[in-house]
């Protein structure tokens, strides 16, 4: 198949496909887990059955989401050995310890207590059930901890030295040369905690977890807002919406300092990536920050709306200091421009939208007009894809902006590929994964829609019966929901 792309491109496409599909589920588990702790905590505190009702409903959604996350996550680890054998050999000591810790301290914790969370309502005491909810939430966060630590080490390696196949240390600075015969280097941990707390791990971890909290909150507000618009489970939905709205507002605002911290780490340790994020082709004093733009690499400029000096200020807190541009790096060490630039700005734009819409929601709640403002509820209902897009965009910007390195400054992506895997085999697997994941996603949406159609099991609080269509019908139902009869509700 001469028409196939290069084997490195195909392997990257396959990994991107599998990890982007998998990453639809863990952020929701993290966000929902934290909200479940709040909901069940309110039930224990107030003994109000509405909080028990909402907790039981969202536990079902959590369990469905968790099962798809586990099924889709297993595939990624096999790819390390099939498509990325050289990479796996190089980072095996680092990744092995992090993935083992993830399995021991996170997955078993989360999955073990999940059984109590789902099936233990009438079998354990309320306090024990709440403890299980906390452990499931903590387990989902721990999963993110070890995965982000491993990924962050690739961005900013620390606590290691490079050895050959015989265990002999190789001289520093070391850059793997795939053409060097007889050398099979690997990174060996010399300081476990330096590896864990590498320069970018803390800020990236908080950034990722906070993004997951935002996603979980918007997911809850979308479903609860839809119930309110449909006149179903109204009292429960209003209480649940309030919890999610406050949580979304706080976590959205928290992304401002976390995002700045992450960008500052990138500027310090990966200046080429920051230059790609902002389309900075030349090292510049009073470097601009683009609100929106379109890079033109052939002309080494960006067409857009700049804020002069703002990038210099954010990096150095001094508008006159220079920021390193792409001209400081050899062309072979420069990342792509277009995709990191657009994904980075898309992530920031959506983050500002989350801040604006949640603060508006809080203002309307304070004025007691939130649940009568149908237009605003519709925005929350239809905004549910946006946190998913923001999370995916952030990862795309981070990973593509790291190129051409798979381990920054040590191992190039093209040198990490397996030598025994051909383009045809990877292409066939990409097609197969696409079909399987399409079926899995269709099944997930179908089951999710059925659960949302059914709603909470306990409908004894004076709300209308379950007879309406599911969330998938939300667009078609908009006209019906604005009739005088529905307004009277």
Protein backbone atom coordinates (compact mmCIF):
# COMPACT_ATOMS: atom_id res chain seq x y z
CA UNK A 1 0.00 0.00 0.00
CA UNK A 2 2.19 2.79 -1.29
CA UNK A 3 -0.51 5.36 -0.63
CA UNK A 4 -0.32 4.87 3.13
CA UNK A 5 1.28 7.57 5.29
CA UNK A 6 4.59 7.07 7.06
CA UNK A 7 4.55 4.40 9.79
CA UNK A 8 5.33 7.03 12.46
CA UNK A 9 2.33 9.11 11.42
CA UNK A 10 0.06 6.06 11.45
CA UNK A 11 1.29 4.98 14.87
CA UNK A 12 0.68 8.47 16.21
CA UNK A 13 -2.81 8.52 14.67
CA UNK A 14 -3.63 5.19 16.27
CA UNK A 15 -2.45 6.29 19.71
CA UNK A 16 -4.28 9.61 19.36
CA UNK A 17 -7.48 7.77 18.42
CA UNK A 18 -7.34 5.39 21.35
CA UNK A 19 -6.29 7.88 23.99
CA UNK A 20 -8.73 10.60 22.88
CA UNK A 21 -11.59 8.10 22.97
CA UNK A 22 -10.50 6.84 26.38
CA UNK A 23 -10.21 10.39 27.69
CA UNK A 24 -13.93 10.94 27.17
CA UNK A 25 -14.52 8.90 30.34
CA UNK A 26 -11.91 9.52 33.11
CA UNK A 27 -12.61 13.27 33.41
CA UNK A 28 -16.31 12.58 33.93
CA UNK A 29 -15.47 9.93 36.55
CA UNK A 30 -13.29 12.44 38.41
CA UNK A 31 -15.85 15.25 38.19
CA UNK A 32 -18.86 13.09 39.06
CA UNK A 33 -16.96 11.43 41.90
CA UNK A 34 -16.36 14.77 43.61
CA UNK A 35 -19.99 15.82 43.10
CA UNK A 36 -21.26 12.50 44.47
CA UNK A 37 -19.31 13.17 47.66
CA UNK A 38 -21.05 16.56 47.95
CA UNK A 39 -24.51 15.15 47.20
CA UNK A 40 -24.28 12.26 49.62
CA UNK A 41 -22.66 14.50 52.23
CA UNK A 42 -25.67 16.80 51.98
CA UNK A 43 -27.95 13.80 52.47
CA UNK A 44 -26.12 12.70 55.62
CA UNK A 45 -26.21 16.26 56.94
CA UNK A 46 -29.84 17.14 56.15
CA UNK A 47 -31.51 13.70 55.85
CA UNK A 48 -33.45 15.21 52.94
CA UNK A 49 -34.49 12.30 50.64
CA UNK A 50 -34.00 14.50 47.58
CA UNK A 51 -30.25 14.36 48.10
CA UNK A 52 -30.42 10.57 48.39
CA UNK A 53 -32.49 10.48 45.21
CA UNK A 54 -29.99 12.52 43.20
CA UNK A 55 -27.02 10.56 44.58
CA UNK A 56 -28.53 7.21 43.58
CA UNK A 57 -29.27 8.53 40.10
CA UNK A 58 -25.75 9.83 39.50
CA UNK A 59 -24.17 6.66 40.91
CA UNK A 60 -25.75 4.79 37.99
CA UNK A 61 -24.30 7.25 35.48
CA UNK A 62 -20.92 7.02 37.21
CA UNK A 63 -20.89 3.21 37.02
CA UNK A 64 -21.73 3.25 33.31
CA UNK A 65 -19.03 5.80 32.59
CA UNK A 66 -16.48 3.90 34.71
CA UNK A 67 -17.06 0.65 32.82
CA UNK A 68 -16.43 2.29 29.45
CA UNK A 69 -13.32 4.00 30.81
CA UNK A 70 -11.84 0.67 31.93
CA UNK A 71 -12.67 -1.06 28.64
CA UNK A 72 -11.14 1.69 26.51
CA UNK A 73 -8.08 2.22 28.71
CA UNK A 74 -6.66 -1.31 28.48
CA UNK A 75 -5.91 -0.95 24.77
CA UNK A 76 -3.50 1.95 25.22
CA UNK A 77 -1.03 0.00 27.32
CA UNK A 78 -0.72 -2.74 24.70
CA UNK A 79 0.30 -0.17 22.12
CA UNK A 80 3.43 0.65 24.11
CA UNK A 81 4.73 -2.84 23.35
CA UNK A 82 3.41 -3.21 19.81
CA UNK A 83 3.90 0.17 18.11
CA UNK A 84 6.36 1.88 20.47
CA UNK A 85 8.84 -0.80 21.53
CA UNK A 86 11.92 1.45 21.48
CA UNK A 87 10.08 4.07 23.47
CA UNK A 88 8.83 1.44 25.95
CA UNK A 89 12.35 0.14 26.45
CA UNK A 90 13.64 3.67 26.99
CA UNK A 91 11.01 4.77 29.54
CA UNK A 92 10.04 1.37 30.96
CA UNK A 93 11.67 1.98 34.33
CA UNK A 94 9.77 5.25 34.74
CA UNK A 95 6.44 4.24 33.24
CA UNK A 96 6.47 0.83 34.86
CA UNK A 97 6.65 2.25 38.38
CA UNK A 98 4.00 4.91 37.66
CA UNK A 99 1.56 2.48 36.03
CA UNK A 100 2.09 -0.05 38.82
CA UNK A 101 1.34 2.64 41.38
CA UNK A 102 -1.78 3.61 39.40
CA UNK A 103 -3.02 0.02 39.48
CA UNK A 104 -2.27 -0.57 43.17
CA UNK A 105 -3.20 2.77 44.72
CA UNK A 106 -5.90 3.99 42.34
CA UNK A 107 -7.66 1.39 40.20
CA UNK A 108 -8.08 -1.21 42.96
CA UNK A 109 -9.20 1.47 45.41
CA UNK A 110 -11.77 2.86 42.99
CA UNK A 111 -13.08 -0.44 41.65
CA UNK A 112 -13.12 -2.13 45.06
CA UNK A 113 -15.30 0.48 46.72
CA UNK A 114 -17.43 0.95 43.58
CA UNK A 115 -19.27 -2.29 44.38
CA UNK A 116 -20.26 -0.87 47.77
CA UNK A 117 -21.20 2.44 46.15
CA UNK A 118 -23.51 0.80 43.60
CA UNK A 119 -24.94 -2.17 45.53
CA UNK A 120 -24.47 -1.27 49.18
CA UNK A 121 -27.29 1.19 49.81
CA UNK A 122 -29.31 -1.24 51.95
CA UNK A 123 -26.40 -3.44 53.00
CA UNK A 124 -24.04 -1.08 54.81
CA UNK A 125 -24.58 1.86 57.14
CA UNK A 126 -25.02 5.36 55.66
CA UNK A 127 -21.64 6.44 57.01
CA UNK A 128 -19.91 3.40 55.52
CA UNK A 129 -21.59 4.06 52.19
CA UNK A 130 -20.45 7.67 52.29
CA UNK A 131 -16.91 6.48 53.08
CA UNK A 132 -17.09 4.24 49.99
CA UNK A 133 -18.18 7.22 47.90
CA UNK A 134 -15.20 9.20 49.15
CA UNK A 135 -12.84 6.31 48.35
CA UNK A 136 -14.22 5.95 44.82
CA UNK A 137 -13.74 9.67 44.25
CA UNK A 138 -10.24 9.52 45.72
CA UNK A 139 -9.39 6.51 43.56
CA UNK A 140 -10.44 8.30 40.39
CA UNK A 141 -8.22 11.24 41.35
CA UNK A 142 -5.30 8.93 42.18
CA UNK A 143 -5.60 7.42 38.70
CA UNK A 144 -5.05 10.87 37.26
CA UNK A 145 -2.12 11.45 39.63
CA UNK A 146 0.03 8.60 38.39
CA UNK A 147 -0.86 8.94 34.71
CA UNK A 148 -0.13 12.67 34.75
CA UNK A 149 3.11 12.08 36.67
CA UNK A 150 4.28 9.65 33.98
CA UNK A 151 3.28 11.99 31.18
CA UNK A 152 4.79 15.01 32.92
CA UNK A 153 8.10 13.19 33.24
CA UNK A 154 8.14 12.97 29.45
CA UNK A 155 7.66 16.72 29.31
CA UNK A 156 10.20 17.63 32.01
CA UNK A 157 12.41 14.61 32.84
CA UNK A 158 13.94 14.52 36.33
CA UNK A 159 15.37 12.01 38.82
CA UNK A 160 16.96 9.71 36.23
CA UNK A 161 20.13 8.79 34.42
CA UNK A 162 20.66 7.06 31.08
CA UNK A 163 22.20 3.59 30.96
CA UNK A 164 23.00 1.15 28.16
CA UNK A 165 21.82 -2.45 27.93
CA UNK A 166 24.60 -3.53 30.27
CA UNK A 167 23.58 -0.99 32.91
CA UNK A 168 26.52 1.35 32.33
CA UNK A 169 25.81 5.06 32.67
CA UNK A 170 25.97 7.03 29.44
CA UNK A 171 27.48 10.52 29.39
CA UNK A 172 25.29 13.59 29.76
CA UNK A 173 23.82 15.44 27.97
CA UNK A 174 22.31 12.47 26.18
CA UNK A 175 20.14 12.53 23.06
CA UNK A 176 19.16 9.17 21.60
CA UNK A 177 20.38 8.62 18.07
CA UNK A 178 18.34 5.94 16.38
CA UNK A 179 21.13 5.28 13.89
CA UNK A 180 23.68 4.47 16.61
CA UNK A 181 24.37 0.73 16.31
CA UNK A 182 24.53 -1.55 19.30
CA UNK A 183 23.16 0.94 21.84
CA UNK A 184 19.83 0.28 23.55
CA UNK A 185 19.63 3.07 26.12
CA UNK A 186 17.00 3.39 28.80
CA UNK A 187 16.17 5.94 31.45
CA UNK A 188 16.71 4.54 34.92
CA UNK A 189 15.22 6.16 38.03
CA UNK A 190 17.80 7.48 40.49
CA UNK A 191 15.37 9.44 42.68
CA UNK A 192 11.77 8.23 42.74
CA UNK A 193 10.38 11.35 44.38
CA UNK A 194 12.28 13.65 42.01
CA UNK A 195 10.64 11.70 39.18
CA UNK A 196 7.20 12.05 40.79
CA UNK A 197 7.62 15.75 41.58
CA UNK A 198 9.26 16.65 38.29
CA UNK A 199 9.03 20.36 37.40
CA UNK A 200 5.69 20.12 35.58
CA UNK A 201 3.83 17.37 37.46
CA UNK A 202 2.12 19.41 40.20
CA UNK A 203 0.78 22.20 37.99
CA UNK A 204 -0.31 19.84 35.22
CA UNK A 205 -2.02 17.51 37.68
CA UNK A 206 -4.04 20.31 39.28
CA UNK A 207 -4.85 21.71 35.84
CA UNK A 208 -6.12 18.31 34.62
CA UNK A 209 -8.13 17.52 37.77
CA UNK A 210 -9.73 20.97 37.80
CA UNK A 211 -10.67 20.56 34.13
CA UNK A 212 -12.31 17.25 35.05
CA UNK A 213 -14.25 18.94 37.86
CA UNK A 214 -15.56 21.50 35.37
CA UNK A 215 -16.61 18.76 32.96
CA UNK A 216 -18.46 16.84 35.66
CA UNK A 217 -20.25 19.96 36.85
CA UNK A 218 -21.40 20.96 33.35
CA UNK A 219 -22.55 17.39 32.66
CA UNK A 220 -24.72 17.46 35.79
CA UNK A 221 -26.08 20.93 34.98
CA UNK A 222 -26.96 19.81 31.45
CA UNK A 223 -29.06 16.87 32.62
CA UNK A 224 -30.62 18.69 35.57
CA UNK A 225 -31.37 21.74 33.44
CA UNK A 226 -33.09 19.50 30.93
CA UNK A 227 -35.24 17.94 33.65
CA UNK A 228 -36.24 21.40 34.85
CA UNK A 229 -37.19 22.46 31.33
CA UNK A 230 -39.22 19.28 30.93
CA UNK A 231 -40.94 19.76 34.28
CA UNK A 232 -39.61 16.48 35.68
CA UNK A 233 -37.99 15.89 39.08
CA UNK A 234 -38.02 19.66 39.40
CA UNK A 235 -37.25 20.09 43.08
CA UNK A 236 -34.46 17.52 43.07
CA UNK A 237 -33.04 18.93 39.84
CA UNK A 238 -32.96 22.48 41.19
CA UNK A 239 -31.04 21.41 44.28
CA UNK A 240 -28.63 19.34 42.22
CA UNK A 241 -28.19 22.17 39.70
CA UNK A 242 -27.26 24.59 42.50
CA UNK A 243 -24.55 22.26 43.81
CA UNK A 244 -23.08 21.78 40.33
CA UNK A 245 -23.31 25.49 39.46
CA UNK A 246 -21.38 26.62 42.54
CA UNK A 247 -18.80 23.88 41.95
CA UNK A 248 -18.47 24.85 38.28
CA UNK A 249 -18.03 28.54 39.09
CA UNK A 250 -15.32 27.91 41.69
CA UNK A 251 -13.39 25.42 39.55
CA UNK A 252 -13.69 27.59 36.42
CA UNK A 253 -12.21 30.57 38.27
CA UNK A 254 -9.50 28.33 39.70
CA UNK A 255 -8.30 27.56 36.18
CA UNK A 256 -7.04 31.13 35.82
CA UNK A 257 -4.12 30.76 38.28
CA UNK A 258 -3.62 27.08 37.40
CA UNK A 259 -3.47 27.82 33.68
CA UNK A 260 -1.02 30.66 34.27
CA UNK A 261 1.16 28.42 36.41
CA UNK A 262 1.17 25.72 33.73
CA UNK A 263 2.08 28.22 31.01
CA UNK A 264 4.89 29.60 33.16
CA UNK A 265 6.32 26.08 33.58
CA UNK A 266 6.11 25.59 29.83
CA UNK A 267 7.91 28.91 29.26
CA UNK A 268 10.68 27.84 31.64
CA UNK A 269 11.20 24.23 30.60
CA UNK A 270 9.71 23.97 27.08
CA UNK A 271 10.08 27.42 25.51
CA UNK A 272 9.65 26.03 21.99
CA UNK A 273 6.20 24.76 22.95
CA UNK A 274 5.17 28.16 24.31
CA UNK A 275 6.43 29.80 21.14
CA UNK A 276 4.21 27.44 19.12
CA UNK A 277 1.23 28.15 21.40
CA UNK A 278 1.53 31.89 20.72
CA UNK A 279 2.94 31.81 17.18
CA UNK A 280 6.13 33.55 18.31
CA UNK A 281 8.52 32.96 15.44
CA UNK A 282 11.25 35.30 16.68
CA UNK A 283 12.56 36.13 20.13
CA UNK A 284 10.75 39.37 20.87
CA UNK A 285 10.66 42.12 23.45
CA UNK A 286 7.13 43.18 24.36
CA UNK A 287 5.95 39.84 22.97
CA UNK A 288 2.24 39.94 22.09
CA UNK A 289 -0.49 37.64 23.32
CA UNK A 290 -2.98 36.75 20.58
CA UNK A 291 -6.66 36.70 21.45
CA UNK A 292 -7.37 35.04 18.10
CA UNK A 293 -5.16 34.47 15.12
CA UNK A 294 -3.97 32.40 12.19
CA UNK A 295 -0.25 31.56 11.98
CA UNK A 296 1.52 31.82 8.63
CA UNK A 297 4.79 29.88 9.14
CA UNK A 298 6.04 30.57 5.62
CA UNK A 299 5.94 34.30 6.39
CA UNK A 300 6.82 33.87 10.10
CA UNK A 301 3.91 35.95 11.31
CA UNK A 302 0.43 35.64 12.76
CA UNK A 303 -2.65 37.32 11.36
CA UNK A 304 -4.89 38.07 14.31
CA UNK A 305 -5.73 40.29 17.26
CA UNK A 306 -2.65 40.78 19.48
CA UNK A 307 -2.33 42.37 22.89
CA UNK A 308 1.17 43.95 22.72
CA UNK A 309 3.51 43.05 25.58
CA UNK A 310 1.01 40.80 27.35
CA UNK A 311 2.95 37.56 26.75
CA UNK A 312 6.11 39.18 28.13
CA UNK A 313 4.13 40.32 31.16
CA UNK A 314 2.62 36.88 31.80
CA UNK A 315 6.01 35.15 31.48
CA UNK A 316 8.23 37.71 33.24
CA UNK A 317 5.76 40.13 34.90
CA UNK A 318 7.58 42.72 32.80
CA UNK A 319 6.17 43.86 29.45
CA UNK A 320 9.60 44.84 28.14
CA UNK A 321 11.45 41.56 28.66
CA UNK A 322 11.98 39.24 25.66
CA UNK A 323 10.25 35.90 25.22
CA UNK A 324 12.09 33.09 23.45
CA UNK A 325 10.86 32.45 19.91
CA UNK A 326 11.18 29.52 17.54
CA UNK A 327 14.26 31.11 15.95
CA UNK A 328 16.23 30.03 19.05
CA UNK A 329 15.88 26.36 18.09
CA UNK A 330 17.11 24.32 15.10
CA UNK A 331 14.37 23.68 12.57
CA UNK A 332 14.41 19.95 13.30
CA UNK A 333 13.65 20.68 16.97
CA UNK A 334 10.70 23.00 16.35
CA UNK A 335 7.14 21.80 16.98
CA UNK A 336 4.29 22.23 14.49
CA UNK A 337 2.57 25.60 14.72
CA UNK A 338 -1.04 25.48 13.53
CA UNK A 339 -2.52 22.70 15.66
CA UNK A 340 -0.92 23.69 19.02
CA UNK A 341 -1.73 27.38 18.39
CA UNK A 342 -5.42 26.77 17.61
CA UNK A 343 -6.01 24.13 20.29
CA UNK A 344 -4.33 26.26 22.95
CA UNK A 345 -6.45 29.28 22.09
CA UNK A 346 -9.60 27.16 21.85
CA UNK A 347 -8.96 25.81 25.35
CA UNK A 348 -8.46 29.32 26.76
CA UNK A 349 -11.56 30.68 24.97
CA UNK A 350 -13.74 27.91 26.35
CA UNK A 351 -12.27 28.44 29.80
CA UNK A 352 -13.31 32.09 29.71
CA UNK A 353 -16.77 31.04 28.53
CA UNK A 354 -17.10 28.69 31.51
CA UNK A 355 -16.21 31.53 33.88
CA UNK A 356 -18.65 33.92 32.26
CA UNK A 357 -21.64 31.59 32.04
CA UNK A 358 -21.25 30.21 35.58
CA UNK A 359 -20.90 33.68 37.09
CA UNK A 360 -24.00 34.74 35.14
CA UNK A 361 -25.77 31.65 36.49
CA UNK A 362 -24.81 32.57 40.06
CA UNK A 363 -26.05 36.13 39.54
CA UNK A 364 -29.39 34.85 38.23
CA UNK A 365 -29.58 32.37 41.12
CA UNK A 366 -28.96 35.18 43.62
CA UNK A 367 -31.74 37.19 41.97
CA UNK A 368 -34.02 34.12 42.08
CA UNK A 369 -34.40 34.19 38.29
CA UNK A 370 -32.21 31.27 37.23
CA UNK A 371 -34.89 28.60 36.97
CA UNK A 372 -37.36 30.91 35.22
CA UNK A 373 -34.78 31.99 32.61
CA UNK A 374 -35.36 29.24 30.09
CA UNK A 375 -32.86 30.67 27.62
CA UNK A 376 -30.09 30.39 30.22
CA UNK A 377 -31.08 26.84 31.16
CA UNK A 378 -30.94 25.94 27.47
CA UNK A 379 -27.40 27.28 27.29
CA UNK A 380 -26.39 25.02 30.17
CA UNK A 381 -28.16 22.05 28.59
CA UNK A 382 -26.48 22.49 25.21
CA UNK A 383 -23.07 23.45 26.62
CA UNK A 384 -22.27 19.88 27.73
CA UNK A 385 -19.91 19.12 24.78
CA UNK A 386 -17.77 22.20 25.45
CA UNK A 387 -15.86 20.92 28.52
CA UNK A 388 -15.09 17.74 26.58
CA UNK A 389 -13.72 19.84 23.74
CA UNK A 390 -11.68 21.99 26.14
CA UNK A 391 -10.13 18.94 27.82
CA UNK A 392 -9.27 17.33 24.50
CA UNK A 393 -7.91 20.58 23.09
CA UNK A 394 -5.62 21.05 26.07
CA UNK A 395 -4.10 17.61 25.65
CA UNK A 396 -3.70 18.04 21.89
CA UNK A 397 -1.88 21.33 22.43
CA UNK A 398 0.40 19.81 25.08
CA UNK A 399 1.28 16.65 23.15
CA UNK A 400 1.64 18.10 19.66
CA UNK A 401 3.51 21.07 21.10
CA UNK A 402 6.05 18.61 22.57
CA UNK A 403 7.00 17.34 19.12
CA UNK A 404 9.39 16.28 17.69
CA UNK A 405 10.17 14.77 21.11
CA UNK A 406 8.37 11.86 22.75
CA UNK A 407 10.63 12.37 25.79
CA UNK A 408 11.56 16.04 25.73
CA UNK A 409 15.20 16.57 24.81
CA UNK A 410 16.06 12.87 25.07
CA UNK A 411 14.13 10.73 22.60
CA UNK A 412 12.57 11.83 19.32
CA UNK A 413 9.17 10.47 18.32
CA UNK A 414 10.52 8.92 15.11
CA UNK A 415 13.13 6.99 17.14
CA UNK A 416 10.56 5.56 19.57
CA UNK A 417 8.67 3.51 17.00
CA UNK A 418 8.79 -0.29 16.82
CA UNK A 419 11.00 -1.52 14.02
CA UNK A 420 9.01 -4.70 13.38
CA UNK A 421 5.60 -3.10 12.79
CA UNK A 422 4.72 -2.02 9.27
CA UNK A 423 2.35 0.64 7.99
CA UNK A 424 -0.19 -1.88 6.70
CA UNK A 425 -0.58 -3.59 10.09
CA UNK A 426 -1.07 -0.26 11.88
CA UNK A 427 -3.55 0.95 9.26
CA UNK A 428 -5.67 -2.20 9.60
CA UNK A 429 -5.66 -1.83 13.39
CA UNK A 430 -6.65 1.84 13.09
CA UNK A 431 -9.66 0.86 10.98
CA UNK A 432 -10.54 -1.91 13.44
CA UNK A 433 -10.24 0.35 16.47
CA UNK A 434 -12.36 3.01 14.77
CA UNK A 435 -15.18 0.55 14.14
CA UNK A 436 -15.04 -0.95 17.64
CA UNK A 437 -14.90 2.43 19.32
CA UNK A 438 -17.80 3.68 17.21
CA UNK A 439 -19.89 0.74 18.42
CA UNK A 440 -18.80 1.26 22.03
CA UNK A 441 -19.64 4.95 21.87
CA UNK A 442 -23.04 4.26 20.28
CA UNK A 443 -23.74 1.75 23.07
CA UNK A 444 -22.66 4.27 25.71
CA UNK A 445 -24.91 7.01 24.30
CA UNK A 446 -27.83 4.57 24.03
CA UNK A 447 -27.48 3.37 27.62
CA UNK A 448 -26.85 6.88 28.92
CA UNK A 449 -29.95 8.15 27.15
CA UNK A 450 -32.05 5.34 28.59
CA UNK A 451 -30.89 6.11 32.12
CA UNK A 452 -31.61 9.80 31.68
CA UNK A 453 -35.03 9.02 30.17
CA UNK A 454 -35.86 6.87 33.17
CA UNK A 455 -34.56 9.40 35.65
CA UNK A 456 -34.30 8.79 39.40
CA UNK A 457 -36.13 5.69 40.61
CA UNK A 458 -37.93 7.48 43.43
CA UNK A 459 -40.52 9.80 41.91
CA UNK A 460 -42.59 10.39 45.02
CA UNK A 461 -41.94 14.09 45.47
CA UNK A 462 -44.79 15.50 43.46
CA UNK A 463 -43.11 15.71 40.05
CA UNK A 464 -44.79 14.64 36.81
CA UNK A 465 -44.39 10.95 35.83
CA UNK A 466 -41.68 9.69 33.47
CA UNK A 467 -43.25 9.73 30.08
CA UNK A 468 -41.14 12.07 27.98
CA UNK A 469 -38.36 11.33 25.56
CA UNK A 470 -34.70 11.20 26.41
CA UNK A 471 -31.89 13.68 26.28
CA UNK A 472 -31.22 12.77 22.63
CA UNK A 473 -34.54 14.45 21.78
CA UNK A 474 -33.58 17.69 23.43
CA UNK A 475 -33.24 19.73 20.24
CA UNK A 476 -36.52 18.51 18.81
CA UNK A 477 -38.34 19.14 22.05
CA UNK A 478 -37.26 22.78 22.32
CA UNK A 479 -40.33 24.05 20.48
CA UNK A 480 -42.65 21.97 22.64
CA UNK A 481 -41.01 23.23 25.82
CA UNK A 482 -41.75 26.83 25.05
CA UNK A 483 -45.53 26.41 24.70
CA UNK A 484 -47.78 28.33 27.08
CA UNK A 485 -48.73 25.07 28.84
CA UNK A 486 -45.09 24.23 29.59
CA UNK A 487 -44.41 27.79 30.66
CA UNK A 488 -47.25 27.47 33.18
CA UNK A 489 -45.32 24.73 34.89
